[in-house]
């Protein structure tokens, strides 16, 4: 979704909507969205014709488009509620197009020679085309260890991807999560719509509510182009 902000700038929504019953990651429970107060149940509480809806949601933190903080991987790391806004909002963005990759692993050659320092590096794989289909959970693209080592070495501010996982789900060592979060570089997974972004010249934000004790939480990720 794109919205004009005036002055020839536009907002690009990069998040998946969260809906009751949807699957984000195979094996994790789907969110349940219900009314706590329905409009019907509030009739009589207020003046005639005045009703309210108050919702209730039950979900795991890794639902929809979400951010991983260091606490997701490390017990001593910063949790979602401790992440400073400077790490999450109005970051200069760099799009890395990996749709022409030859295999699942996205190596350092995709990042070599690019100005990565201080950037929100968003990796476009095209995997979001499979969102909410069985294909999304099978054989997803991921970043190789050498690519992540380069991102850490060059000082990326944040790394996002439009895939199921920034790591190969079959690799129990989870090198991307381990190296990035150890370097205090937040990760955003399950982005969508990266094809609407230029390579550079945009600002990126992915801000969760300041929930303490959580290593991950859904975000509204967007770019200003």
N, C-alpha and C. Protein backbone atom coordinates (compact mmCIF):
# COMPACT_ATOMS: atom_id res chain seq x y z
N UNK A 1 0.85 -1.19 0.00
CA UNK A 1 0.00 0.00 0.00
C UNK A 1 0.88 1.23 0.00
N UNK A 2 0.53 2.24 -0.82
CA UNK A 2 1.27 3.47 -0.88
C UNK A 2 0.34 4.64 -0.61
N UNK A 3 0.79 5.60 0.20
CA UNK A 3 0.03 6.80 0.51
C UNK A 3 0.91 8.01 0.28
N UNK A 4 0.34 9.05 -0.28
CA UNK A 4 1.10 10.27 -0.51
C UNK A 4 1.24 11.05 0.78
N UNK A 5 2.43 11.60 1.02
CA UNK A 5 2.67 12.45 2.18
C UNK A 5 2.80 13.91 1.77
N UNK A 6 2.58 14.21 0.51
CA UNK A 6 2.77 15.57 0.02
C UNK A 6 4.22 15.80 -0.34
N UNK A 7 4.46 16.91 -1.04
CA UNK A 7 5.83 17.29 -1.43
C UNK A 7 6.54 16.16 -2.16
N UNK A 8 5.78 15.40 -2.94
CA UNK A 8 6.32 14.33 -3.77
C UNK A 8 6.95 13.19 -2.97
N UNK A 9 6.58 13.05 -1.70
CA UNK A 9 7.03 11.93 -0.89
C UNK A 9 5.86 10.98 -0.68
N UNK A 10 6.13 9.72 -0.53
CA UNK A 10 5.04 8.77 -0.33
C UNK A 10 5.41 7.76 0.75
N UNK A 11 4.38 7.25 1.40
CA UNK A 11 4.53 6.20 2.41
C UNK A 11 4.30 4.84 1.75
N UNK A 12 5.19 3.90 2.03
CA UNK A 12 5.05 2.54 1.50
C UNK A 12 4.93 1.58 2.68
N UNK A 13 3.80 0.93 2.80
CA UNK A 13 3.56 -0.03 3.88
C UNK A 13 4.27 -1.33 3.53
N UNK A 14 5.12 -1.81 4.43
CA UNK A 14 5.92 -3.01 4.19
C UNK A 14 5.55 -4.15 5.13
N UNK A 15 4.38 -4.04 5.77
CA UNK A 15 3.95 -5.02 6.77
C UNK A 15 2.82 -5.90 6.26
N UNK A 16 2.81 -7.13 6.73
CA UNK A 16 1.65 -8.01 6.53
C UNK A 16 0.60 -7.68 7.58
N UNK A 17 -0.65 -7.68 7.20
CA UNK A 17 -1.74 -7.51 8.16
C UNK A 17 -1.85 -8.75 9.04
N UNK A 18 -2.24 -8.54 10.29
CA UNK A 18 -2.46 -9.65 11.22
C UNK A 18 -3.95 -9.93 11.28
N UNK A 19 -4.32 -11.16 11.01
CA UNK A 19 -5.73 -11.56 11.02
C UNK A 19 -5.90 -12.82 11.84
N UNK A 20 -7.05 -12.95 12.44
CA UNK A 20 -7.35 -14.15 13.23
C UNK A 20 -7.22 -15.39 12.36
N UNK A 21 -6.49 -16.39 12.87
CA UNK A 21 -6.37 -17.67 12.19
C UNK A 21 -5.24 -17.78 11.20
N UNK A 22 -4.51 -16.68 10.93
CA UNK A 22 -3.46 -16.74 9.93
C UNK A 22 -2.22 -17.43 10.47
N UNK A 23 -1.43 -18.01 9.57
CA UNK A 23 -0.17 -18.65 9.94
C UNK A 23 0.99 -17.77 9.50
N UNK A 24 1.89 -17.48 10.42
CA UNK A 24 3.12 -16.75 10.07
C UNK A 24 4.25 -17.73 9.87
N UNK A 25 4.49 -18.57 10.85
CA UNK A 25 5.60 -19.52 10.82
C UNK A 25 5.04 -20.91 11.10
N UNK A 26 5.27 -21.87 10.23
CA UNK A 26 4.70 -23.21 10.44
C UNK A 26 5.04 -23.76 11.83
N UNK A 27 4.03 -24.25 12.52
CA UNK A 27 4.22 -24.82 13.85
C UNK A 27 3.89 -23.86 14.97
N UNK A 28 3.83 -22.56 14.67
CA UNK A 28 3.45 -21.60 15.70
C UNK A 28 1.94 -21.38 15.65
N UNK A 29 1.31 -21.16 16.80
CA UNK A 29 -0.15 -20.98 16.80
C UNK A 29 -0.55 -19.69 16.10
N UNK A 30 -1.72 -19.74 15.49
CA UNK A 30 -2.26 -18.57 14.82
C UNK A 30 -2.84 -17.60 15.84
N UNK A 31 -2.87 -16.31 15.53
CA UNK A 31 -3.50 -15.35 16.45
C UNK A 31 -5.01 -15.55 16.51
N UNK A 32 -5.57 -15.22 17.64
CA UNK A 32 -7.02 -15.26 17.83
C UNK A 32 -7.47 -13.85 18.17
N UNK A 33 -8.26 -13.25 17.29
CA UNK A 33 -8.73 -11.87 17.48
C UNK A 33 -10.23 -11.91 17.74
N UNK A 34 -10.64 -11.40 18.89
CA UNK A 34 -12.05 -11.43 19.28
C UNK A 34 -12.44 -10.09 19.92
N UNK A 35 -13.71 -9.94 20.20
CA UNK A 35 -14.20 -8.80 20.97
C UNK A 35 -14.07 -9.08 22.46
N UNK A 36 -13.57 -8.11 23.22
CA UNK A 36 -13.72 -8.13 24.67
C UNK A 36 -15.03 -7.42 25.01
N UNK A 37 -15.22 -6.25 24.43
CA UNK A 37 -16.52 -5.57 24.42
C UNK A 37 -16.98 -5.50 22.98
N UNK A 38 -18.12 -6.03 22.69
CA UNK A 38 -18.71 -5.84 21.36
C UNK A 38 -19.59 -4.60 21.39
N UNK A 39 -19.96 -4.11 20.23
CA UNK A 39 -20.84 -2.95 20.19
C UNK A 39 -22.20 -3.28 20.83
N UNK A 40 -22.65 -4.50 20.60
CA UNK A 40 -23.95 -4.89 21.17
C UNK A 40 -23.89 -4.91 22.69
N UNK A 41 -22.74 -5.43 23.22
CA UNK A 41 -22.65 -5.56 24.68
C UNK A 41 -22.52 -4.21 25.38
N UNK A 42 -22.12 -3.17 24.64
CA UNK A 42 -21.98 -1.86 25.28
C UNK A 42 -23.24 -1.00 25.16
N UNK A 43 -24.26 -1.49 24.46
CA UNK A 43 -25.51 -0.74 24.41
C UNK A 43 -26.08 -0.66 25.82
N UNK A 44 -26.50 0.48 26.23
CA UNK A 44 -27.02 0.68 27.57
C UNK A 44 -26.00 1.20 28.55
N UNK A 45 -24.69 1.07 28.24
CA UNK A 45 -23.66 1.62 29.11
C UNK A 45 -23.53 3.13 28.94
N UNK A 46 -23.90 3.60 27.72
CA UNK A 46 -23.69 5.01 27.38
C UNK A 46 -25.01 5.60 26.88
N UNK A 47 -24.95 6.79 26.37
CA UNK A 47 -26.16 7.43 25.84
C UNK A 47 -26.67 6.66 24.62
N UNK A 48 -27.93 6.85 24.31
CA UNK A 48 -28.52 6.18 23.16
C UNK A 48 -27.70 6.46 21.90
N UNK A 49 -27.41 5.40 21.16
CA UNK A 49 -26.66 5.53 19.92
C UNK A 49 -25.16 5.56 20.08
N UNK A 50 -24.68 5.45 21.31
CA UNK A 50 -23.23 5.48 21.57
C UNK A 50 -22.78 4.09 21.99
N UNK A 51 -21.93 3.47 21.16
CA UNK A 51 -21.39 2.14 21.45
C UNK A 51 -19.90 2.14 21.19
N UNK A 52 -19.22 1.14 21.75
CA UNK A 52 -17.78 1.01 21.56
C UNK A 52 -17.42 -0.45 21.30
N UNK A 53 -16.29 -0.64 20.65
CA UNK A 53 -15.68 -1.96 20.51
C UNK A 53 -14.33 -1.95 21.19
N UNK A 54 -14.06 -2.97 22.01
CA UNK A 54 -12.74 -3.17 22.61
C UNK A 54 -12.33 -4.59 22.31
N UNK A 55 -11.19 -4.73 21.64
CA UNK A 55 -10.77 -6.06 21.18
C UNK A 55 -9.87 -6.77 22.16
N UNK A 56 -9.73 -8.07 21.90
CA UNK A 56 -8.79 -8.91 22.65
C UNK A 56 -8.02 -9.74 21.63
N UNK A 57 -6.71 -9.90 21.85
CA UNK A 57 -5.90 -10.70 20.95
C UNK A 57 -5.04 -11.67 21.74
N UNK A 58 -5.01 -12.91 21.30
CA UNK A 58 -4.10 -13.90 21.84
C UNK A 58 -3.16 -14.33 20.72
N UNK A 59 -1.86 -14.17 20.94
CA UNK A 59 -0.91 -14.51 19.88
C UNK A 59 0.48 -14.70 20.45
N UNK A 60 1.32 -15.42 19.72
CA UNK A 60 2.74 -15.46 20.04
C UNK A 60 3.37 -14.19 19.46
N UNK A 61 4.50 -13.78 20.03
CA UNK A 61 5.11 -12.52 19.63
C UNK A 61 5.58 -12.54 18.18
N UNK A 62 5.96 -13.70 17.68
CA UNK A 62 6.46 -13.81 16.31
C UNK A 62 5.30 -14.03 15.35
N UNK A 63 4.52 -12.99 15.16
CA UNK A 63 3.32 -13.03 14.32
C UNK A 63 3.36 -11.87 13.34
N UNK A 64 3.04 -12.13 12.09
CA UNK A 64 3.04 -11.08 11.09
C UNK A 64 4.45 -10.60 10.81
N UNK A 65 4.60 -9.33 10.53
CA UNK A 65 5.92 -8.70 10.35
C UNK A 65 6.41 -8.28 11.73
N UNK A 66 7.57 -8.78 12.14
CA UNK A 66 8.00 -8.51 13.52
C UNK A 66 9.49 -8.21 13.59
N UNK A 67 9.87 -7.62 14.71
CA UNK A 67 11.27 -7.28 14.95
C UNK A 67 11.83 -8.22 16.02
N UNK A 68 13.08 -8.60 15.84
CA UNK A 68 13.82 -9.37 16.84
C UNK A 68 14.82 -8.44 17.52
N UNK A 69 14.78 -8.41 18.84
CA UNK A 69 15.75 -7.66 19.63
C UNK A 69 16.83 -8.63 20.12
N UNK A 70 17.95 -8.12 20.65
CA UNK A 70 18.98 -9.03 21.16
C UNK A 70 18.48 -10.05 22.19
N UNK A 71 17.46 -9.69 22.99
CA UNK A 71 16.94 -10.62 24.00
C UNK A 71 16.32 -11.86 23.37
N UNK A 72 15.91 -11.78 22.13
CA UNK A 72 15.37 -12.95 21.43
C UNK A 72 16.40 -14.08 21.40
N UNK A 73 17.68 -13.73 21.31
CA UNK A 73 18.75 -14.72 21.23
C UNK A 73 19.58 -14.83 22.50
N UNK A 74 19.72 -13.70 23.21
CA UNK A 74 20.63 -13.65 24.36
C UNK A 74 19.91 -13.18 25.62
N UNK A 75 20.02 -13.94 26.69
CA UNK A 75 19.32 -13.61 27.93
C UNK A 75 19.70 -12.24 28.47
N UNK A 76 20.93 -11.81 28.22
CA UNK A 76 21.39 -10.52 28.75
C UNK A 76 21.15 -9.38 27.76
N UNK A 77 20.59 -9.67 26.62
CA UNK A 77 20.40 -8.65 25.59
C UNK A 77 19.21 -7.75 25.86
N UNK A 78 19.15 -6.63 25.14
CA UNK A 78 18.04 -5.70 25.27
C UNK A 78 16.75 -6.31 24.73
N UNK A 79 15.66 -6.14 25.49
CA UNK A 79 14.37 -6.65 25.01
C UNK A 79 13.71 -5.61 24.12
N UNK A 80 12.55 -5.95 23.58
CA UNK A 80 11.85 -5.07 22.66
C UNK A 80 11.58 -3.71 23.30
N UNK A 81 11.17 -3.72 24.56
CA UNK A 81 10.85 -2.47 25.24
C UNK A 81 12.04 -1.60 25.53
N UNK A 82 13.25 -2.16 25.42
CA UNK A 82 14.46 -1.40 25.70
C UNK A 82 15.13 -0.85 24.45
N UNK A 83 14.64 -1.23 23.27
CA UNK A 83 15.27 -0.75 22.04
C UNK A 83 15.02 0.75 21.89
N UNK A 84 16.07 1.53 21.71
CA UNK A 84 15.86 2.97 21.52
C UNK A 84 15.26 3.26 20.16
N UNK A 85 14.46 4.31 20.08
CA UNK A 85 13.82 4.67 18.82
C UNK A 85 14.84 4.94 17.71
N UNK A 86 16.03 5.39 18.07
CA UNK A 86 17.04 5.67 17.06
C UNK A 86 17.44 4.43 16.27
N UNK A 87 17.21 3.23 16.86
CA UNK A 87 17.52 1.99 16.16
C UNK A 87 16.36 1.48 15.30
N UNK A 88 15.21 2.16 15.41
CA UNK A 88 13.99 1.62 14.81
C UNK A 88 13.31 2.55 13.82
N UNK A 89 13.51 3.84 13.97
CA UNK A 89 12.69 4.80 13.24
C UNK A 89 13.52 5.78 12.44
N UNK A 90 13.01 6.13 11.25
CA UNK A 90 13.61 7.15 10.39
C UNK A 90 15.06 6.84 10.06
N UNK A 91 15.33 5.57 9.75
CA UNK A 91 16.68 5.16 9.38
C UNK A 91 16.89 5.31 7.88
N UNK A 92 18.08 5.71 7.44
CA UNK A 92 18.36 5.70 6.01
C UNK A 92 18.32 4.26 5.50
N UNK A 93 17.66 4.05 4.37
CA UNK A 93 17.44 2.69 3.89
C UNK A 93 18.26 2.34 2.66
N UNK A 94 18.63 1.07 2.57
CA UNK A 94 19.32 0.50 1.42
C UNK A 94 18.62 -0.79 1.03
N UNK A 95 18.15 -0.87 -0.19
CA UNK A 95 17.51 -2.09 -0.68
C UNK A 95 18.53 -2.94 -1.42
N UNK A 96 18.61 -4.21 -1.04
CA UNK A 96 19.47 -5.17 -1.72
C UNK A 96 18.57 -6.17 -2.43
N UNK A 97 18.62 -6.17 -3.75
CA UNK A 97 17.75 -7.04 -4.54
C UNK A 97 18.45 -8.38 -4.76
N UNK A 98 17.91 -9.42 -4.10
CA UNK A 98 18.48 -10.76 -4.21
C UNK A 98 17.54 -11.69 -4.97
N UNK A 99 16.65 -11.13 -5.78
CA UNK A 99 15.70 -11.96 -6.51
C UNK A 99 16.38 -12.76 -7.61
N UNK A 100 17.59 -12.35 -8.02
CA UNK A 100 18.30 -13.07 -9.09
C UNK A 100 19.29 -14.09 -8.54
N UNK A 101 19.15 -14.45 -7.27
CA UNK A 101 20.07 -15.43 -6.66
C UNK A 101 19.96 -16.78 -7.37
N UNK A 102 21.02 -17.55 -7.31
CA UNK A 102 21.04 -18.86 -7.97
C UNK A 102 20.60 -19.99 -7.03
N UNK A 103 20.69 -19.74 -5.73
CA UNK A 103 20.24 -20.76 -4.77
C UNK A 103 19.64 -20.05 -3.57
N UNK A 104 19.34 -20.80 -2.53
CA UNK A 104 18.65 -20.22 -1.39
C UNK A 104 19.52 -19.27 -0.59
N UNK A 105 20.80 -19.56 -0.50
CA UNK A 105 21.69 -18.76 0.32
C UNK A 105 22.06 -17.45 -0.37
N UNK A 106 21.90 -16.34 0.33
CA UNK A 106 22.23 -15.02 -0.19
C UNK A 106 23.58 -14.62 0.41
N UNK A 107 24.62 -14.66 -0.42
CA UNK A 107 25.97 -14.49 0.07
C UNK A 107 26.46 -13.05 0.09
N UNK A 108 27.70 -12.89 0.48
CA UNK A 108 28.27 -11.55 0.66
C UNK A 108 28.39 -10.78 -0.64
N UNK A 109 28.41 -11.46 -1.78
CA UNK A 109 28.55 -10.74 -3.05
C UNK A 109 27.39 -9.78 -3.30
N UNK A 110 26.22 -10.05 -2.71
CA UNK A 110 25.07 -9.16 -2.87
C UNK A 110 25.26 -7.84 -2.12
N UNK A 111 26.16 -7.84 -1.15
CA UNK A 111 26.35 -6.67 -0.28
C UNK A 111 27.69 -5.98 -0.50
N UNK A 112 28.63 -6.68 -1.12
CA UNK A 112 29.98 -6.15 -1.28
C UNK A 112 29.96 -4.86 -2.09
N UNK A 113 30.73 -3.87 -1.63
CA UNK A 113 30.85 -2.62 -2.34
C UNK A 113 29.73 -1.63 -2.08
N UNK A 114 28.76 -2.00 -1.27
CA UNK A 114 27.65 -1.09 -0.95
C UNK A 114 27.94 -0.35 0.34
N UNK A 115 27.41 0.85 0.46
CA UNK A 115 27.57 1.64 1.67
C UNK A 115 26.58 1.15 2.72
N UNK A 116 27.01 0.26 3.59
CA UNK A 116 26.14 -0.42 4.56
C UNK A 116 26.10 0.27 5.92
N UNK A 117 27.10 1.04 6.25
CA UNK A 117 27.22 1.60 7.59
C UNK A 117 26.05 2.52 7.91
N UNK A 118 25.39 2.25 9.04
CA UNK A 118 24.28 3.07 9.50
C UNK A 118 22.99 2.92 8.73
N UNK A 119 22.93 1.94 7.84
CA UNK A 119 21.76 1.77 6.98
C UNK A 119 20.81 0.69 7.52
N UNK A 120 19.52 0.89 7.27
CA UNK A 120 18.56 -0.21 7.40
C UNK A 120 18.64 -0.98 6.10
N UNK A 121 19.26 -2.14 6.14
CA UNK A 121 19.52 -2.93 4.94
C UNK A 121 18.35 -3.91 4.77
N UNK A 122 17.56 -3.71 3.73
CA UNK A 122 16.39 -4.53 3.47
C UNK A 122 16.67 -5.44 2.28
N UNK A 123 16.52 -6.73 2.50
CA UNK A 123 16.86 -7.72 1.48
C UNK A 123 15.59 -8.21 0.80
N UNK A 124 15.49 -7.93 -0.47
CA UNK A 124 14.34 -8.35 -1.26
C UNK A 124 14.63 -9.71 -1.90
N UNK A 125 13.85 -10.71 -1.50
CA UNK A 125 13.99 -12.04 -2.08
C UNK A 125 12.80 -12.40 -2.97
N UNK A 126 11.69 -11.68 -2.82
CA UNK A 126 10.46 -12.01 -3.54
C UNK A 126 9.65 -13.11 -2.89
N UNK A 127 10.13 -13.59 -1.73
CA UNK A 127 9.45 -14.72 -1.08
C UNK A 127 8.08 -14.32 -0.52
N UNK A 128 7.85 -13.03 -0.33
CA UNK A 128 6.54 -12.58 0.16
C UNK A 128 5.41 -12.93 -0.79
N UNK A 129 5.73 -13.27 -2.04
CA UNK A 129 4.70 -13.69 -2.99
C UNK A 129 4.01 -14.98 -2.53
N UNK A 130 4.68 -15.76 -1.65
CA UNK A 130 4.14 -17.03 -1.18
C UNK A 130 3.43 -16.91 0.18
N UNK A 131 3.31 -15.69 0.69
CA UNK A 131 2.72 -15.46 2.02
C UNK A 131 1.35 -16.13 2.12
N UNK A 132 1.13 -16.81 3.22
CA UNK A 132 -0.13 -17.51 3.54
C UNK A 132 -0.43 -18.63 2.54
N UNK A 133 0.63 -19.22 2.01
CA UNK A 133 0.51 -20.45 1.22
C UNK A 133 1.47 -21.47 1.81
N UNK A 134 1.28 -22.77 1.57
CA UNK A 134 2.21 -23.77 2.08
C UNK A 134 3.65 -23.55 1.59
N UNK A 135 3.80 -22.97 0.41
CA UNK A 135 5.13 -22.75 -0.17
C UNK A 135 5.97 -21.81 0.70
N UNK A 136 5.34 -20.89 1.39
CA UNK A 136 6.07 -19.89 2.18
C UNK A 136 6.96 -20.56 3.23
N UNK A 137 6.52 -21.67 3.78
CA UNK A 137 7.26 -22.33 4.84
C UNK A 137 8.26 -23.36 4.36
N UNK A 138 8.47 -23.47 3.06
CA UNK A 138 9.34 -24.52 2.51
C UNK A 138 10.44 -23.91 1.64
N UNK A 139 11.68 -24.19 1.98
CA UNK A 139 12.79 -23.81 1.12
C UNK A 139 13.01 -22.32 0.95
N UNK A 140 12.82 -21.56 2.02
CA UNK A 140 12.92 -20.10 1.94
C UNK A 140 14.36 -19.63 1.75
N UNK A 141 14.58 -18.47 1.14
CA UNK A 141 15.91 -17.89 1.05
C UNK A 141 16.36 -17.31 2.38
N UNK A 142 17.68 -17.21 2.57
CA UNK A 142 18.25 -16.76 3.84
C UNK A 142 19.62 -16.14 3.60
N UNK A 143 20.16 -15.48 4.61
CA UNK A 143 21.50 -14.89 4.51
C UNK A 143 22.55 -15.89 4.98
N UNK A 144 23.63 -15.97 4.24
CA UNK A 144 24.73 -16.84 4.65
C UNK A 144 25.54 -16.19 5.77
N UNK A 145 26.33 -17.02 6.43
CA UNK A 145 27.17 -16.50 7.51
C UNK A 145 28.12 -15.42 6.99
N UNK A 146 28.72 -15.63 5.83
CA UNK A 146 29.67 -14.65 5.32
C UNK A 146 28.98 -13.32 5.02
N UNK A 147 27.74 -13.35 4.55
CA UNK A 147 27.00 -12.12 4.30
C UNK A 147 26.74 -11.38 5.60
N UNK A 148 26.36 -12.12 6.63
CA UNK A 148 26.08 -11.50 7.93
C UNK A 148 27.35 -10.95 8.55
N UNK A 149 28.43 -11.66 8.41
CA UNK A 149 29.70 -11.15 8.93
C UNK A 149 30.06 -9.82 8.29
N UNK A 150 29.80 -9.69 6.99
CA UNK A 150 30.06 -8.43 6.30
C UNK A 150 29.15 -7.32 6.82
N UNK A 151 27.87 -7.62 7.01
CA UNK A 151 26.93 -6.62 7.53
C UNK A 151 27.34 -6.14 8.92
N UNK A 152 27.78 -7.04 9.76
CA UNK A 152 28.23 -6.67 11.10
C UNK A 152 29.51 -5.84 11.01
N UNK A 153 30.43 -6.31 10.19
CA UNK A 153 31.73 -5.61 10.06
C UNK A 153 31.56 -4.18 9.54
N UNK A 154 30.61 -4.00 8.63
CA UNK A 154 30.40 -2.69 8.03
C UNK A 154 29.45 -1.80 8.83
N UNK A 155 28.85 -2.34 9.89
CA UNK A 155 28.06 -1.51 10.79
C UNK A 155 26.66 -1.19 10.32
N UNK A 156 25.96 -2.17 9.73
CA UNK A 156 24.55 -1.96 9.38
C UNK A 156 23.76 -1.62 10.64
N UNK A 157 22.75 -0.77 10.49
CA UNK A 157 21.95 -0.35 11.65
C UNK A 157 20.85 -1.35 11.96
N UNK A 158 20.29 -1.96 10.94
CA UNK A 158 19.16 -2.89 11.05
C UNK A 158 19.17 -3.72 9.78
N UNK A 159 18.70 -4.96 9.87
CA UNK A 159 18.62 -5.81 8.68
C UNK A 159 17.23 -6.41 8.61
N UNK A 160 16.58 -6.28 7.45
CA UNK A 160 15.25 -6.85 7.26
C UNK A 160 15.22 -7.73 6.03
N UNK A 161 14.24 -8.63 5.99
CA UNK A 161 14.11 -9.56 4.87
C UNK A 161 12.64 -9.91 4.67
N UNK A 162 12.25 -10.17 3.43
CA UNK A 162 10.86 -10.51 3.11
C UNK A 162 10.68 -12.02 3.00
N UNK A 163 11.33 -12.75 3.89
CA UNK A 163 11.33 -14.21 3.86
C UNK A 163 10.88 -14.77 5.20
N UNK A 164 10.72 -16.08 5.24
CA UNK A 164 10.28 -16.77 6.46
C UNK A 164 11.25 -16.57 7.62
N UNK A 165 12.55 -16.56 7.31
CA UNK A 165 13.57 -16.50 8.36
C UNK A 165 14.84 -15.94 7.74
N UNK A 166 15.53 -15.10 8.46
CA UNK A 166 16.80 -14.59 7.94
C UNK A 166 17.87 -15.66 7.94
N UNK A 167 17.67 -16.72 8.74
CA UNK A 167 18.55 -17.88 8.78
C UNK A 167 17.95 -19.05 8.01
N UNK A 168 18.81 -19.99 7.63
CA UNK A 168 18.35 -21.28 7.15
C UNK A 168 17.72 -22.01 8.34
N UNK A 169 16.43 -22.32 8.25
CA UNK A 169 15.73 -22.95 9.38
C UNK A 169 16.32 -24.32 9.74
N UNK A 170 17.07 -24.92 8.82
CA UNK A 170 17.68 -26.21 9.09
C UNK A 170 19.01 -26.08 9.85
N UNK A 171 19.51 -24.87 10.00
CA UNK A 171 20.78 -24.64 10.68
C UNK A 171 20.51 -24.25 12.13
N UNK A 172 20.72 -25.17 13.02
CA UNK A 172 20.43 -24.94 14.43
C UNK A 172 21.31 -23.92 15.10
N UNK A 173 22.43 -23.53 14.49
CA UNK A 173 23.29 -22.52 15.10
C UNK A 173 22.78 -21.10 14.86
N UNK A 174 21.87 -20.94 13.89
CA UNK A 174 21.26 -19.65 13.59
C UNK A 174 22.31 -18.52 13.51
N UNK A 175 23.24 -18.61 12.55
CA UNK A 175 24.33 -17.63 12.50
C UNK A 175 23.87 -16.19 12.29
N UNK A 176 22.84 -15.97 11.48
CA UNK A 176 22.40 -14.59 11.23
C UNK A 176 21.85 -13.97 12.50
N UNK A 177 20.94 -14.67 13.17
CA UNK A 177 20.41 -14.15 14.42
C UNK A 177 21.53 -13.97 15.45
N UNK A 178 22.41 -14.94 15.54
CA UNK A 178 23.47 -14.90 16.56
C UNK A 178 24.40 -13.71 16.35
N UNK A 179 24.89 -13.54 15.13
CA UNK A 179 25.87 -12.49 14.87
C UNK A 179 25.25 -11.10 14.87
N UNK A 180 24.09 -10.95 14.25
CA UNK A 180 23.46 -9.64 14.19
C UNK A 180 23.01 -9.17 15.57
N UNK A 181 22.32 -10.04 16.30
CA UNK A 181 21.80 -9.62 17.61
C UNK A 181 22.92 -9.45 18.63
N UNK A 182 24.00 -10.20 18.49
CA UNK A 182 25.16 -9.99 19.36
C UNK A 182 25.77 -8.61 19.13
N UNK A 183 25.62 -8.10 17.92
CA UNK A 183 26.14 -6.77 17.58
C UNK A 183 25.08 -5.68 17.79
N UNK A 184 23.97 -6.02 18.44
CA UNK A 184 22.88 -5.08 18.70
C UNK A 184 22.27 -4.53 17.42
N UNK A 185 22.20 -5.36 16.41
CA UNK A 185 21.57 -4.99 15.14
C UNK A 185 20.21 -5.67 15.08
N UNK A 186 19.11 -4.92 15.22
CA UNK A 186 17.78 -5.55 15.17
C UNK A 186 17.51 -6.19 13.81
N UNK A 187 16.63 -7.18 13.83
CA UNK A 187 16.24 -7.93 12.63
C UNK A 187 14.74 -7.78 12.43
N UNK A 188 14.33 -7.52 11.20
CA UNK A 188 12.90 -7.51 10.86
C UNK A 188 12.65 -8.60 9.84
N UNK A 189 11.74 -9.51 10.16
CA UNK A 189 11.41 -10.62 9.27
C UNK A 189 9.97 -10.51 8.77
N UNK A 190 9.70 -11.19 7.65
CA UNK A 190 8.37 -11.23 7.03
C UNK A 190 7.94 -9.84 6.52
N UNK A 191 8.86 -9.12 5.93
CA UNK A 191 8.49 -7.89 5.24
C UNK A 191 7.73 -8.23 3.97
N UNK A 192 7.10 -7.26 3.38
CA UNK A 192 6.42 -7.46 2.09
C UNK A 192 6.47 -6.17 1.28
N UNK A 193 6.35 -6.30 -0.03
CA UNK A 193 6.24 -5.13 -0.88
C UNK A 193 7.53 -4.37 -1.11
N UNK A 194 8.68 -5.02 -0.94
CA UNK A 194 9.95 -4.32 -1.12
C UNK A 194 10.20 -3.91 -2.57
N UNK A 195 9.45 -4.49 -3.49
CA UNK A 195 9.61 -4.12 -4.90
C UNK A 195 9.19 -2.67 -5.16
N UNK A 196 8.50 -2.05 -4.21
CA UNK A 196 8.06 -0.66 -4.37
C UNK A 196 9.14 0.34 -3.96
N UNK A 197 10.29 -0.14 -3.48
CA UNK A 197 11.33 0.75 -2.98
C UNK A 197 12.45 0.93 -4.00
N UNK A 198 13.07 2.11 -4.03
CA UNK A 198 14.30 2.29 -4.80
C UNK A 198 15.47 1.69 -4.05
N UNK A 199 16.61 1.64 -4.67
CA UNK A 199 17.78 1.06 -4.00
C UNK A 199 18.21 1.92 -2.81
N UNK A 200 18.16 3.24 -2.97
CA UNK A 200 18.54 4.16 -1.90
C UNK A 200 17.58 5.35 -1.90
N UNK A 201 17.77 6.24 -0.92
CA UNK A 201 17.00 7.47 -0.91
C UNK A 201 15.68 7.38 -0.18
N UNK A 202 15.46 6.32 0.60
CA UNK A 202 14.24 6.21 1.40
C UNK A 202 14.59 6.14 2.87
N UNK A 203 13.60 6.38 3.72
CA UNK A 203 13.75 6.26 5.17
C UNK A 203 12.88 5.11 5.65
N UNK A 204 13.39 4.33 6.59
CA UNK A 204 12.70 3.11 7.03
C UNK A 204 12.41 3.18 8.52
N UNK A 205 11.22 2.70 8.88
CA UNK A 205 10.83 2.60 10.30
C UNK A 205 10.14 1.26 10.54
N UNK A 206 10.40 0.67 11.69
CA UNK A 206 9.74 -0.57 12.12
C UNK A 206 9.67 -0.53 13.64
N UNK A 207 8.57 0.00 14.17
CA UNK A 207 8.50 0.32 15.60
C UNK A 207 7.45 -0.54 16.30
N UNK A 208 7.85 -1.32 17.31
CA UNK A 208 6.89 -2.07 18.12
C UNK A 208 6.49 -1.25 19.33
N UNK A 209 5.41 -1.63 20.03
CA UNK A 209 5.15 -1.01 21.33
C UNK A 209 6.27 -1.39 22.30
N UNK A 210 6.53 -0.57 23.32
CA UNK A 210 7.65 -0.82 24.22
C UNK A 210 7.32 -1.89 25.27
N UNK A 211 7.19 -3.12 24.82
CA UNK A 211 6.82 -4.24 25.70
C UNK A 211 8.08 -4.80 26.35
N UNK A 212 8.10 -4.87 27.65
CA UNK A 212 9.24 -5.43 28.38
C UNK A 212 9.12 -6.94 28.48
N UNK A 213 10.26 -7.62 28.50
CA UNK A 213 10.28 -9.06 28.67
C UNK A 213 10.01 -9.84 27.40
N UNK A 214 10.00 -9.16 26.24
CA UNK A 214 9.77 -9.81 24.95
C UNK A 214 11.01 -9.67 24.08
N UNK A 215 11.38 -10.74 23.40
CA UNK A 215 12.51 -10.68 22.48
C UNK A 215 12.10 -10.31 21.08
N UNK A 216 10.82 -10.50 20.75
CA UNK A 216 10.28 -10.19 19.42
C UNK A 216 8.89 -9.59 19.60
N UNK A 217 8.45 -8.83 18.61
CA UNK A 217 7.09 -8.31 18.64
C UNK A 217 6.73 -7.76 17.28
N UNK A 218 5.42 -7.85 16.90
CA UNK A 218 4.99 -7.30 15.60
C UNK A 218 5.25 -5.79 15.51
N UNK A 219 5.51 -5.36 14.27
CA UNK A 219 5.74 -3.95 13.99
C UNK A 219 4.88 -3.51 12.81
N UNK A 220 4.68 -2.22 12.69
CA UNK A 220 4.19 -1.62 11.45
C UNK A 220 5.43 -1.09 10.75
N UNK A 221 5.91 -1.82 9.79
CA UNK A 221 7.11 -1.42 9.05
C UNK A 221 6.69 -0.62 7.82
N UNK A 222 7.40 0.49 7.58
CA UNK A 222 7.06 1.31 6.43
C UNK A 222 8.28 2.11 5.98
N UNK A 223 8.20 2.59 4.76
CA UNK A 223 9.25 3.45 4.22
C UNK A 223 8.63 4.76 3.75
N UNK A 224 9.41 5.82 3.84
CA UNK A 224 9.07 7.09 3.22
C UNK A 224 10.01 7.27 2.04
N UNK A 225 9.43 7.38 0.85
CA UNK A 225 10.21 7.42 -0.39
C UNK A 225 10.07 8.80 -1.01
